[in-house]
Each structure stands twice: as C-alpha cells, then as structure tokens.
N, C-alpha and C. Protein backbone atom coordinates (compact mmCIF):
# COMPACT_ATOMS: atom_id res chain seq x y z
N UNK A 1 0.84 -1.19 0.00
CA UNK A 1 0.00 0.00 0.00
C UNK A 1 0.88 1.25 0.00
N UNK A 2 0.49 2.22 -0.79
CA UNK A 2 1.24 3.48 -0.93
C UNK A 2 0.36 4.62 -0.43
N UNK A 3 0.87 5.36 0.56
CA UNK A 3 0.06 6.40 1.20
C UNK A 3 0.72 7.76 1.05
N UNK A 4 -0.12 8.80 0.94
CA UNK A 4 0.33 10.18 1.02
C UNK A 4 -0.18 10.76 2.33
N UNK A 5 0.75 11.13 3.21
CA UNK A 5 0.40 11.65 4.53
C UNK A 5 0.79 13.12 4.60
N UNK A 6 -0.21 13.98 4.70
CA UNK A 6 0.01 15.43 4.76
C UNK A 6 -0.05 15.85 6.22
N UNK A 7 0.97 16.60 6.64
CA UNK A 7 1.07 16.98 8.05
C UNK A 7 1.79 15.93 8.87
N UNK A 8 2.69 15.21 8.26
CA UNK A 8 3.31 14.05 8.89
C UNK A 8 4.19 14.39 10.08
N UNK A 9 4.68 15.62 10.19
CA UNK A 9 5.56 15.96 11.30
C UNK A 9 4.83 16.57 12.49
N UNK A 10 3.53 16.79 12.35
CA UNK A 10 2.74 17.32 13.46
C UNK A 10 2.45 16.25 14.49
N UNK A 11 1.77 16.63 15.55
CA UNK A 11 1.47 15.69 16.64
C UNK A 11 0.67 14.50 16.14
N UNK A 12 -0.43 14.76 15.44
CA UNK A 12 -1.27 13.66 14.96
C UNK A 12 -0.61 12.96 13.78
N UNK A 13 0.00 13.72 12.89
CA UNK A 13 0.67 13.11 11.75
C UNK A 13 1.76 12.14 12.16
N UNK A 14 2.51 12.50 13.19
CA UNK A 14 3.56 11.61 13.70
C UNK A 14 2.97 10.31 14.24
N UNK A 15 1.81 10.40 14.87
CA UNK A 15 1.13 9.21 15.38
C UNK A 15 0.71 8.30 14.23
N UNK A 16 0.13 8.90 13.22
CA UNK A 16 -0.32 8.12 12.06
C UNK A 16 0.87 7.45 11.37
N UNK A 17 1.96 8.19 11.22
CA UNK A 17 3.16 7.63 10.58
C UNK A 17 3.68 6.44 11.36
N UNK A 18 3.73 6.57 12.67
CA UNK A 18 4.21 5.47 13.53
C UNK A 18 3.29 4.25 13.44
N UNK A 19 1.98 4.51 13.37
CA UNK A 19 1.00 3.42 13.32
C UNK A 19 1.09 2.63 12.03
N UNK A 20 1.41 3.27 10.92
CA UNK A 20 1.30 2.63 9.61
C UNK A 20 2.62 2.35 8.91
N UNK A 21 3.73 2.76 9.50
CA UNK A 21 5.01 2.68 8.80
C UNK A 21 5.42 1.25 8.45
N UNK A 22 4.96 0.26 9.20
CA UNK A 22 5.33 -1.13 8.90
C UNK A 22 4.43 -1.75 7.84
N UNK A 23 3.33 -1.09 7.51
CA UNK A 23 2.34 -1.67 6.61
C UNK A 23 2.27 -0.99 5.25
N UNK A 24 2.97 0.12 5.09
CA UNK A 24 2.79 0.88 3.86
C UNK A 24 4.04 1.70 3.54
N UNK A 25 4.16 2.02 2.26
CA UNK A 25 5.12 3.04 1.84
C UNK A 25 4.45 4.39 2.05
N UNK A 26 5.06 5.25 2.85
CA UNK A 26 4.45 6.53 3.20
C UNK A 26 5.24 7.67 2.57
N UNK A 27 4.55 8.46 1.75
CA UNK A 27 5.11 9.69 1.21
C UNK A 27 4.61 10.82 2.11
N UNK A 28 5.51 11.62 2.64
CA UNK A 28 5.10 12.69 3.53
C UNK A 28 5.03 14.02 2.78
N UNK A 29 4.12 14.87 3.22
CA UNK A 29 3.97 16.20 2.63
C UNK A 29 3.66 17.19 3.75
N UNK A 30 4.12 18.41 3.59
CA UNK A 30 3.87 19.43 4.60
C UNK A 30 4.56 20.73 4.22
N UNK A 31 4.53 21.69 5.13
CA UNK A 31 5.14 22.99 4.84
C UNK A 31 6.66 22.95 4.95
N UNK A 32 7.19 21.94 5.65
CA UNK A 32 8.64 21.76 5.73
C UNK A 32 8.94 20.35 6.22
N UNK A 33 10.18 19.95 6.18
CA UNK A 33 10.65 18.66 6.69
C UNK A 33 9.81 17.48 6.19
N UNK A 34 9.53 17.48 4.88
CA UNK A 34 8.71 16.42 4.30
C UNK A 34 9.27 16.05 2.92
N UNK A 35 8.84 14.90 2.40
CA UNK A 35 9.25 14.50 1.06
C UNK A 35 8.79 15.51 0.01
N UNK A 36 7.56 16.01 0.19
CA UNK A 36 6.99 16.99 -0.73
C UNK A 36 6.51 18.20 0.07
N UNK A 37 6.71 19.38 -0.48
CA UNK A 37 6.24 20.59 0.19
C UNK A 37 4.86 20.97 -0.36
N UNK A 38 3.97 21.39 0.55
CA UNK A 38 2.64 21.80 0.12
C UNK A 38 2.09 22.87 1.07
N UNK A 39 1.41 23.82 0.48
CA UNK A 39 0.66 24.84 1.21
C UNK A 39 -0.81 24.56 0.96
N UNK A 40 -1.51 24.10 1.98
CA UNK A 40 -2.91 23.70 1.80
C UNK A 40 -3.83 24.85 1.44
N UNK A 41 -3.41 26.08 1.64
CA UNK A 41 -4.25 27.22 1.29
C UNK A 41 -4.12 27.60 -0.18
N UNK A 42 -3.27 26.90 -0.91
CA UNK A 42 -3.02 27.21 -2.32
C UNK A 42 -3.40 26.03 -3.20
N UNK A 43 -4.36 26.24 -4.10
CA UNK A 43 -4.74 25.16 -5.01
C UNK A 43 -3.59 24.82 -5.95
N UNK A 44 -2.78 25.81 -6.30
CA UNK A 44 -1.63 25.55 -7.17
C UNK A 44 -0.63 24.64 -6.47
N UNK A 45 -0.41 24.88 -5.19
CA UNK A 45 0.53 24.06 -4.43
C UNK A 45 0.01 22.64 -4.28
N UNK A 46 -1.27 22.49 -4.02
CA UNK A 46 -1.87 21.15 -3.91
C UNK A 46 -1.75 20.41 -5.24
N UNK A 47 -2.06 21.09 -6.33
CA UNK A 47 -1.96 20.47 -7.66
C UNK A 47 -0.53 20.01 -7.94
N UNK A 48 0.44 20.85 -7.62
CA UNK A 48 1.84 20.50 -7.83
C UNK A 48 2.24 19.30 -7.00
N UNK A 49 1.76 19.23 -5.75
CA UNK A 49 2.05 18.08 -4.89
C UNK A 49 1.55 16.78 -5.53
N UNK A 50 0.33 16.82 -6.01
CA UNK A 50 -0.23 15.61 -6.61
C UNK A 50 0.51 15.21 -7.89
N UNK A 51 1.00 16.19 -8.65
CA UNK A 51 1.79 15.87 -9.85
C UNK A 51 3.05 15.10 -9.48
N UNK A 52 3.63 15.41 -8.32
CA UNK A 52 4.86 14.76 -7.88
C UNK A 52 4.59 13.42 -7.19
N UNK A 53 3.39 13.22 -6.73
CA UNK A 53 3.08 12.04 -5.91
C UNK A 53 3.00 10.76 -6.71
N UNK A 54 2.35 10.84 -7.86
CA UNK A 54 2.02 9.62 -8.56
C UNK A 54 0.83 8.95 -7.88
N UNK A 55 0.43 7.81 -8.40
CA UNK A 55 -0.75 7.12 -7.86
C UNK A 55 -0.50 6.61 -6.45
N UNK A 56 -1.47 6.84 -5.58
CA UNK A 56 -1.41 6.35 -4.20
C UNK A 56 -2.72 5.64 -3.87
N UNK A 57 -2.69 4.84 -2.82
CA UNK A 57 -3.88 4.11 -2.39
C UNK A 57 -4.68 4.85 -1.33
N UNK A 58 -4.05 5.85 -0.70
CA UNK A 58 -4.77 6.63 0.31
C UNK A 58 -4.12 7.98 0.46
N UNK A 59 -4.94 8.98 0.69
CA UNK A 59 -4.49 10.32 1.05
C UNK A 59 -5.01 10.60 2.46
N UNK A 60 -4.09 10.92 3.37
CA UNK A 60 -4.45 11.18 4.76
C UNK A 60 -4.00 12.59 5.09
N UNK A 61 -4.91 13.41 5.58
CA UNK A 61 -4.53 14.76 5.99
C UNK A 61 -4.68 14.93 7.50
N UNK A 62 -3.59 15.34 8.15
CA UNK A 62 -3.63 15.65 9.57
C UNK A 62 -3.23 17.11 9.81
N UNK A 63 -3.12 17.88 8.73
CA UNK A 63 -2.71 19.28 8.84
C UNK A 63 -3.92 20.19 8.80
N UNK A 64 -3.72 21.42 9.22
CA UNK A 64 -4.79 22.43 9.16
C UNK A 64 -4.64 23.41 10.31
N UNK A 65 -4.64 24.69 9.99
CA UNK A 65 -4.46 25.73 10.99
C UNK A 65 -5.81 26.31 11.37
N UNK A 66 -5.99 26.60 12.64
CA UNK A 66 -7.23 27.18 13.15
C UNK A 66 -6.89 28.38 14.03
N UNK A 67 -7.81 29.33 14.10
CA UNK A 67 -7.66 30.47 15.01
C UNK A 67 -8.51 30.24 16.24
N UNK A 68 -7.91 30.44 17.41
CA UNK A 68 -8.63 30.37 18.68
C UNK A 68 -8.68 31.77 19.28
N UNK A 69 -9.89 32.26 19.53
CA UNK A 69 -10.04 33.59 20.10
C UNK A 69 -11.48 33.87 20.46
N UNK A 70 -11.67 34.85 21.32
CA UNK A 70 -13.01 35.23 21.75
C UNK A 70 -13.83 35.73 20.56
N UNK A 71 -15.08 35.33 20.51
CA UNK A 71 -15.95 35.67 19.39
C UNK A 71 -16.07 37.18 19.21
N UNK A 72 -16.25 37.92 20.30
CA UNK A 72 -16.44 39.37 20.21
C UNK A 72 -15.19 40.10 19.72
N UNK A 73 -14.05 39.44 19.79
CA UNK A 73 -12.80 40.06 19.34
C UNK A 73 -12.32 39.52 18.00
N UNK A 74 -12.97 38.48 17.51
CA UNK A 74 -12.50 37.84 16.28
C UNK A 74 -12.85 38.67 15.06
N UNK A 75 -11.87 38.82 14.19
CA UNK A 75 -12.10 39.53 12.93
C UNK A 75 -12.42 38.53 11.83
N UNK A 76 -13.06 38.97 10.76
CA UNK A 76 -13.27 38.08 9.62
C UNK A 76 -11.96 37.49 9.10
N UNK A 77 -10.90 38.28 9.14
CA UNK A 77 -9.60 37.80 8.66
C UNK A 77 -9.09 36.66 9.53
N UNK A 78 -9.27 36.76 10.84
CA UNK A 78 -8.85 35.68 11.73
C UNK A 78 -9.68 34.43 11.50
N UNK A 79 -10.96 34.58 11.26
CA UNK A 79 -11.80 33.42 10.98
C UNK A 79 -11.39 32.76 9.67
N UNK A 80 -10.92 33.56 8.72
CA UNK A 80 -10.51 33.02 7.43
C UNK A 80 -9.32 32.06 7.54
N UNK A 81 -8.57 32.15 8.62
CA UNK A 81 -7.44 31.23 8.80
C UNK A 81 -7.95 29.78 8.77
N UNK A 82 -8.97 29.49 9.57
CA UNK A 82 -9.53 28.14 9.59
C UNK A 82 -10.28 27.82 8.31
N UNK A 83 -10.96 28.82 7.75
CA UNK A 83 -11.70 28.59 6.50
C UNK A 83 -10.74 28.16 5.40
N UNK A 84 -9.64 28.91 5.22
CA UNK A 84 -8.72 28.64 4.12
C UNK A 84 -7.89 27.38 4.33
N UNK A 85 -7.55 27.07 5.58
CA UNK A 85 -6.66 25.93 5.85
C UNK A 85 -7.44 24.67 6.21
N UNK A 86 -8.08 24.67 7.37
CA UNK A 86 -8.72 23.45 7.87
C UNK A 86 -9.94 23.05 7.05
N UNK A 87 -10.69 24.03 6.55
CA UNK A 87 -11.91 23.72 5.81
C UNK A 87 -11.64 23.59 4.31
N UNK A 88 -11.37 24.69 3.63
CA UNK A 88 -11.18 24.64 2.19
C UNK A 88 -9.93 23.86 1.80
N UNK A 89 -8.88 23.94 2.62
CA UNK A 89 -7.67 23.19 2.31
C UNK A 89 -7.96 21.70 2.21
N UNK A 90 -8.70 21.17 3.16
CA UNK A 90 -9.00 19.73 3.14
C UNK A 90 -9.96 19.38 2.00
N UNK A 91 -10.96 20.24 1.78
CA UNK A 91 -11.88 19.99 0.66
C UNK A 91 -11.12 19.99 -0.66
N UNK A 92 -10.20 20.93 -0.83
CA UNK A 92 -9.44 20.99 -2.08
C UNK A 92 -8.52 19.78 -2.25
N UNK A 93 -8.05 19.21 -1.15
CA UNK A 93 -7.27 17.97 -1.27
C UNK A 93 -8.10 16.87 -1.94
N UNK A 94 -9.38 16.87 -1.67
CA UNK A 94 -10.27 15.87 -2.28
C UNK A 94 -10.60 16.26 -3.72
N UNK A 95 -11.02 17.49 -3.93
CA UNK A 95 -11.42 17.92 -5.27
C UNK A 95 -10.30 17.76 -6.28
N UNK A 96 -9.08 18.03 -5.85
CA UNK A 96 -7.93 17.99 -6.76
C UNK A 96 -7.21 16.65 -6.76
N UNK A 97 -7.58 15.75 -5.83
CA UNK A 97 -6.81 14.53 -5.66
C UNK A 97 -7.46 13.24 -6.09
N UNK A 98 -8.69 13.30 -6.59
CA UNK A 98 -9.40 12.06 -6.92
C UNK A 98 -8.65 11.23 -7.96
N UNK A 99 -8.09 11.91 -8.96
CA UNK A 99 -7.38 11.18 -10.03
C UNK A 99 -6.07 10.57 -9.54
N UNK A 100 -5.56 11.05 -8.40
CA UNK A 100 -4.31 10.51 -7.85
C UNK A 100 -4.54 9.18 -7.14
N UNK A 101 -5.77 8.95 -6.68
CA UNK A 101 -6.07 7.71 -5.96
C UNK A 101 -6.30 6.55 -6.90
N UNK A 102 -5.79 5.39 -6.50
CA UNK A 102 -6.09 4.15 -7.22
C UNK A 102 -7.55 3.78 -7.00
N UNK A 103 -8.07 2.89 -7.83
CA UNK A 103 -9.44 2.41 -7.63
C UNK A 103 -9.59 1.88 -6.20
N UNK A 104 -10.71 2.21 -5.57
CA UNK A 104 -11.03 1.79 -4.20
C UNK A 104 -10.11 2.44 -3.15
N UNK A 105 -9.39 3.48 -3.54
CA UNK A 105 -8.56 4.20 -2.59
C UNK A 105 -9.39 5.06 -1.66
N UNK A 106 -8.71 5.76 -0.75
CA UNK A 106 -9.47 6.50 0.27
C UNK A 106 -8.83 7.83 0.64
N UNK A 107 -9.69 8.75 1.05
CA UNK A 107 -9.29 9.99 1.70
C UNK A 107 -9.64 9.88 3.18
N UNK A 108 -8.73 10.32 4.04
CA UNK A 108 -9.04 10.46 5.47
C UNK A 108 -8.69 11.88 5.87
N UNK A 109 -9.70 12.63 6.29
CA UNK A 109 -9.52 14.00 6.72
C UNK A 109 -9.57 14.07 8.24
N UNK A 110 -9.26 15.24 8.79
CA UNK A 110 -9.21 15.38 10.25
C UNK A 110 -10.13 16.49 10.70
N UNK A 111 -10.96 16.18 11.69
CA UNK A 111 -11.86 17.16 12.30
C UNK A 111 -11.43 17.32 13.75
N UNK A 112 -12.37 17.29 14.69
CA UNK A 112 -12.00 17.44 16.09
C UNK A 112 -13.21 17.59 16.99
N UNK A 113 -13.01 17.38 18.26
CA UNK A 113 -14.09 17.31 19.24
C UNK A 113 -14.87 18.61 19.39
N UNK A 114 -14.29 19.75 19.02
CA UNK A 114 -14.95 21.03 19.29
C UNK A 114 -16.24 21.20 18.52
N UNK A 115 -16.45 20.47 17.44
CA UNK A 115 -17.73 20.56 16.73
C UNK A 115 -18.84 19.89 17.52
N UNK A 116 -18.51 19.02 18.46
CA UNK A 116 -19.49 18.34 19.29
C UNK A 116 -19.50 18.80 20.73
N UNK A 117 -18.38 19.31 21.21
CA UNK A 117 -18.23 19.69 22.61
C UNK A 117 -17.49 21.03 22.66
N UNK A 118 -18.22 22.14 22.49
CA UNK A 118 -17.57 23.43 22.28
C UNK A 118 -16.90 23.99 23.53
N UNK A 119 -15.92 24.85 23.27
CA UNK A 119 -15.21 25.56 24.32
C UNK A 119 -15.18 27.05 23.98
N UNK A 120 -14.96 27.87 24.98
CA UNK A 120 -14.75 29.30 24.76
C UNK A 120 -13.50 29.47 23.88
N UNK A 121 -13.59 30.36 22.94
CA UNK A 121 -12.53 30.68 21.97
C UNK A 121 -12.43 29.64 20.85
N UNK A 122 -13.35 28.71 20.77
CA UNK A 122 -13.25 27.65 19.78
C UNK A 122 -14.25 27.72 18.63
N UNK A 123 -14.93 28.85 18.45
CA UNK A 123 -15.99 28.93 17.44
C UNK A 123 -15.46 28.70 16.02
N UNK A 124 -14.33 29.29 15.70
CA UNK A 124 -13.80 29.15 14.34
C UNK A 124 -13.37 27.72 14.05
N UNK A 125 -12.70 27.11 15.02
CA UNK A 125 -12.28 25.71 14.85
C UNK A 125 -13.49 24.80 14.72
N UNK A 126 -14.52 25.02 15.54
CA UNK A 126 -15.72 24.19 15.47
C UNK A 126 -16.40 24.32 14.12
N UNK A 127 -16.44 25.54 13.59
CA UNK A 127 -17.02 25.78 12.28
C UNK A 127 -16.33 24.97 11.19
N UNK A 128 -15.01 25.01 11.19
CA UNK A 128 -14.26 24.28 10.17
C UNK A 128 -14.45 22.78 10.31
N UNK A 129 -14.41 22.27 11.53
CA UNK A 129 -14.57 20.83 11.76
C UNK A 129 -15.95 20.36 11.33
N UNK A 130 -16.99 21.12 11.71
CA UNK A 130 -18.34 20.74 11.33
C UNK A 130 -18.54 20.76 9.83
N UNK A 131 -17.92 21.72 9.16
CA UNK A 131 -18.01 21.77 7.70
C UNK A 131 -17.38 20.56 7.03
N UNK A 132 -16.25 20.12 7.55
CA UNK A 132 -15.61 18.93 6.99
C UNK A 132 -16.46 17.69 7.22
N UNK A 133 -17.05 17.57 8.40
CA UNK A 133 -17.93 16.41 8.65
C UNK A 133 -19.07 16.37 7.62
N UNK A 134 -19.72 17.51 7.38
CA UNK A 134 -20.82 17.55 6.42
C UNK A 134 -20.33 17.23 5.01
N UNK A 135 -19.17 17.74 4.66
CA UNK A 135 -18.60 17.47 3.34
C UNK A 135 -18.32 15.98 3.16
N UNK A 136 -17.71 15.36 4.16
CA UNK A 136 -17.39 13.92 4.08
C UNK A 136 -18.65 13.09 3.88
N UNK A 137 -19.68 13.38 4.65
CA UNK A 137 -20.92 12.61 4.56
C UNK A 137 -21.53 12.70 3.17
N UNK A 138 -21.45 13.87 2.57
CA UNK A 138 -22.07 14.08 1.26
C UNK A 138 -21.17 13.62 0.12
N UNK A 139 -19.88 13.90 0.22
CA UNK A 139 -18.95 13.51 -0.84
C UNK A 139 -18.93 11.99 -1.02
N UNK A 140 -19.15 11.25 0.07
CA UNK A 140 -19.13 9.79 -0.02
C UNK A 140 -20.19 9.26 -0.99
N UNK A 141 -21.25 10.02 -1.20
CA UNK A 141 -22.31 9.59 -2.11
C UNK A 141 -21.89 9.67 -3.57
N UNK A 142 -20.88 10.49 -3.86
CA UNK A 142 -20.58 10.80 -5.25
C UNK A 142 -19.19 10.39 -5.74
N UNK A 143 -18.33 9.95 -4.84
CA UNK A 143 -16.98 9.62 -5.28
C UNK A 143 -16.99 8.47 -6.29
N UNK A 144 -16.19 8.56 -7.34
CA UNK A 144 -16.18 7.53 -8.38
C UNK A 144 -15.27 6.36 -8.03
N UNK A 145 -15.34 5.31 -8.83
CA UNK A 145 -14.38 4.19 -8.84
C UNK A 145 -14.22 3.50 -7.48
N UNK A 146 -15.26 3.52 -6.66
CA UNK A 146 -15.16 2.86 -5.36
C UNK A 146 -14.32 3.62 -4.35
N UNK A 147 -14.00 4.88 -4.62
CA UNK A 147 -13.22 5.67 -3.67
C UNK A 147 -14.02 5.89 -2.39
N UNK A 148 -13.29 5.95 -1.27
CA UNK A 148 -13.91 6.15 0.03
C UNK A 148 -13.41 7.45 0.65
N UNK A 149 -14.20 7.98 1.59
CA UNK A 149 -13.79 9.17 2.33
C UNK A 149 -14.35 9.10 3.75
N UNK A 150 -13.51 9.41 4.72
CA UNK A 150 -13.90 9.44 6.13
C UNK A 150 -13.18 10.60 6.81
N UNK A 151 -13.57 10.86 8.05
CA UNK A 151 -12.82 11.81 8.87
C UNK A 151 -12.60 11.22 10.25
N UNK A 152 -11.49 11.60 10.86
CA UNK A 152 -11.17 11.21 12.23
C UNK A 152 -11.29 12.46 13.10
N UNK A 153 -11.99 12.32 14.22
CA UNK A 153 -12.24 13.46 15.11
C UNK A 153 -11.68 13.15 16.50
N UNK A 154 -10.47 13.59 16.79
CA UNK A 154 -9.88 13.32 18.10
C UNK A 154 -10.22 14.40 19.13
N UNK A 155 -10.22 14.00 20.39
CA UNK A 155 -10.24 14.96 21.50
C UNK A 155 -8.81 15.45 21.72
N UNK A 156 -8.58 16.20 22.76
CA UNK A 156 -7.22 16.62 23.08
C UNK A 156 -6.36 15.40 23.39
N UNK A 157 -5.17 15.37 22.84
CA UNK A 157 -4.29 14.23 23.03
C UNK A 157 -3.51 14.36 24.33
N UNK A 158 -3.14 13.23 24.87
CA UNK A 158 -2.30 13.24 26.07
C UNK A 158 -1.04 14.05 25.85
N UNK A 159 -0.49 13.97 24.65
CA UNK A 159 0.75 14.68 24.34
C UNK A 159 0.57 16.19 24.25
N UNK A 160 -0.68 16.65 24.15
CA UNK A 160 -0.95 18.08 23.99
C UNK A 160 -1.43 18.75 25.26
N UNK A 161 -1.58 18.00 26.33
CA UNK A 161 -2.15 18.55 27.56
C UNK A 161 -1.29 19.68 28.12
N UNK A 162 0.00 19.48 28.13
CA UNK A 162 0.88 20.50 28.73
C UNK A 162 0.74 21.83 27.99
N UNK A 163 0.61 21.78 26.67
CA UNK A 163 0.53 22.99 25.87
C UNK A 163 -0.87 23.59 25.84
N UNK A 164 -1.89 22.75 25.67
CA UNK A 164 -3.25 23.25 25.42
C UNK A 164 -4.28 22.86 26.46
N UNK A 165 -3.86 22.14 27.50
CA UNK A 165 -4.82 21.60 28.46
C UNK A 165 -5.68 22.64 29.14
N UNK A 166 -5.17 23.85 29.35
CA UNK A 166 -5.94 24.89 30.05
C UNK A 166 -7.21 25.26 29.30
N UNK A 167 -7.22 25.09 28.00
CA UNK A 167 -8.41 25.40 27.21
C UNK A 167 -9.44 24.29 27.26
N UNK A 168 -9.01 23.09 27.66
CA UNK A 168 -9.87 21.91 27.60
C UNK A 168 -10.16 21.38 29.00
N UNK A 169 -10.69 22.24 29.85
CA UNK A 169 -10.98 21.85 31.22
C UNK A 169 -12.06 20.76 31.26
N UNK A 170 -11.77 19.68 31.96
CA UNK A 170 -12.74 18.59 32.11
C UNK A 170 -12.76 17.59 30.97
N UNK A 171 -11.96 17.81 29.93
CA UNK A 171 -11.88 16.86 28.81
C UNK A 171 -10.92 15.74 29.19
N UNK A 172 -11.27 14.52 28.82
CA UNK A 172 -10.39 13.39 29.08
C UNK A 172 -9.41 13.24 27.92
N UNK A 173 -8.12 13.44 28.16
CA UNK A 173 -7.15 13.29 27.07
C UNK A 173 -7.14 11.86 26.53
N UNK A 174 -6.87 11.74 25.24
CA UNK A 174 -6.88 10.43 24.60
C UNK A 174 -5.45 10.03 24.24
N UNK A 175 -5.23 8.73 24.17
CA UNK A 175 -3.89 8.21 23.93
C UNK A 175 -3.54 8.24 22.45
N UNK A 176 -2.25 8.28 22.17
CA UNK A 176 -1.77 8.19 20.80
C UNK A 176 -2.23 6.89 20.15
N UNK A 177 -2.25 5.81 20.90
CA UNK A 177 -2.65 4.52 20.34
C UNK A 177 -4.08 4.55 19.81
N UNK A 178 -5.00 5.13 20.60
CA UNK A 178 -6.40 5.20 20.16
C UNK A 178 -6.53 6.03 18.89
N UNK A 179 -5.81 7.13 18.84
CA UNK A 179 -5.87 7.99 17.66
C UNK A 179 -5.30 7.26 16.45
N UNK A 180 -4.17 6.60 16.62
CA UNK A 180 -3.57 5.86 15.52
C UNK A 180 -4.48 4.78 14.98
N UNK A 181 -5.16 4.09 15.87
CA UNK A 181 -6.07 3.03 15.43
C UNK A 181 -7.27 3.57 14.66
N UNK A 182 -7.74 4.76 15.02
CA UNK A 182 -8.85 5.36 14.30
C UNK A 182 -8.46 5.65 12.85
N UNK A 183 -7.26 6.17 12.66
CA UNK A 183 -6.79 6.41 11.29
C UNK A 183 -6.58 5.09 10.56
N UNK A 184 -6.06 4.09 11.24
CA UNK A 184 -5.90 2.77 10.63
C UNK A 184 -7.24 2.23 10.14
N UNK A 185 -8.27 2.37 10.96
CA UNK A 185 -9.60 1.86 10.58
C UNK A 185 -10.11 2.58 9.34
N UNK A 186 -9.93 3.89 9.29
CA UNK A 186 -10.39 4.64 8.14
C UNK A 186 -9.65 4.23 6.87
N UNK A 187 -8.35 4.06 6.98
CA UNK A 187 -7.52 3.78 5.80
C UNK A 187 -7.62 2.32 5.36
N UNK A 188 -7.55 1.42 6.30
CA UNK A 188 -7.49 -0.01 5.99
C UNK A 188 -8.86 -0.68 5.94
N UNK A 189 -9.88 -0.01 6.47
CA UNK A 189 -11.21 -0.62 6.53
C UNK A 189 -11.99 -0.45 5.25
N UNK A 190 -13.32 -0.61 5.36
CA UNK A 190 -14.18 -0.56 4.18
C UNK A 190 -15.25 0.51 4.27
N UNK A 191 -15.36 1.20 5.39
CA UNK A 191 -16.43 2.17 5.56
C UNK A 191 -16.14 3.45 4.81
N UNK A 192 -17.23 4.16 4.48
CA UNK A 192 -17.08 5.45 3.81
C UNK A 192 -18.17 6.40 4.30
N UNK A 193 -17.85 7.69 4.26
CA UNK A 193 -18.79 8.70 4.74
C UNK A 193 -18.91 8.73 6.24
N UNK A 194 -17.96 8.13 6.94
CA UNK A 194 -18.04 7.96 8.40
C UNK A 194 -17.12 8.91 9.15
N UNK A 195 -17.44 9.11 10.40
CA UNK A 195 -16.57 9.79 11.32
C UNK A 195 -16.10 8.81 12.37
N UNK A 196 -14.82 8.82 12.64
CA UNK A 196 -14.25 7.97 13.70
C UNK A 196 -13.90 8.89 14.85
N UNK A 197 -14.68 8.79 15.92
CA UNK A 197 -14.62 9.74 17.03
C UNK A 197 -13.79 9.16 18.16
N UNK A 198 -12.71 9.85 18.51
CA UNK A 198 -11.82 9.40 19.56
C UNK A 198 -12.00 10.36 20.74
N UNK A 199 -13.08 10.12 21.51
CA UNK A 199 -13.45 11.00 22.61
C UNK A 199 -13.38 10.23 23.92
C-alpha cells in the first residue's frame, strides 16, 4: 500500500506515521521537513504536490491551521485562517486529488471534538470541523471508482495537555494509540462517509 500523509511531522501526523510505517510506503507532505512541500491554502501548491506524488492508495490529511479567540474580538480575517486551511484546504485535497487515488482508494480528513463539545474561543475551529464532517458525509455519495472518504475526530491528546490543556478543562485526554487506530480503521477498513470519534 502506498500512502500520502500530509502533516506528517505534526502531533497527529507523527502518530499516524508510527501506526502505519510497517504496513505501507508513506510519502510525507507538509510545509517543511517532508518528502513533498505543500501549502494547503493554495490550489496551485496542492496540484503541484499531486503531480509529484504519482498514484497512491490513500491520502491522509492531519494538517490544518485554526484560530482560537473570543468571538467578540474575532475579525473576519482571523476566521478566514480556519476557512482557508482546515476547511477549504481539506476539501481541495479531495477535489484535486481524486485522479491521484487508485481504484477503491481513500481519503481520510481530520476534524476534532470542538464541533461536538464546544469551548470558549473555539468557534472558528468548530465551524471548520463541522463543515468537513458535512462534506465527508455528502462527498461519499458521489466519489467515483469505489473511492472512500472518512474523517477522524480526536479529542485533546495526552501529548498536547501540557501545551493546550488549560483550554480543555474537564476533557479526558486520549492516547496516541487510540488515535492511531482510528486512522488505521479509516484507511485499511471498508467504511465510507463515516466519522471515527476518539473522545
């Protein structure tokens, strides 16, 4: 199996790489320190990445930038950060990447718990995550050639508590193993249009 993993050096991307490295050839992509460089906010950059990739059996995205801030202080420009990266960036990975996938290949996108369990300062992130969930559910009806699409929605990770735990009061951190298995299920399984919730 040949996989394209976008965001491979991030917290979640590193987990996915560790989970699947014995089972697949993994091509990494990201803004730096990757086999291929890509800017998810640029359709030209995404197109160029796919030209260099060649055919793959799965595209997995764990990248995406979000803005966290109080609603009354948030500007449209700050909200656009999540729109352009986490929302449209992931959608464009699908729109521009279908021809890169082999028959019966899959897309796995990343959402997050804030669309189901909101926090103060999390409105923009929740918006982007909820939009991806709706897109995945609908896109699954129309993908050609047996292609599949799912999303993985993790809660705060144990590895992120020290940095971000203050924002997630009362949330139970989840292990890297659980998160890795959710991505494995999406990539190696048969379901489509699904969300794998690691809460």
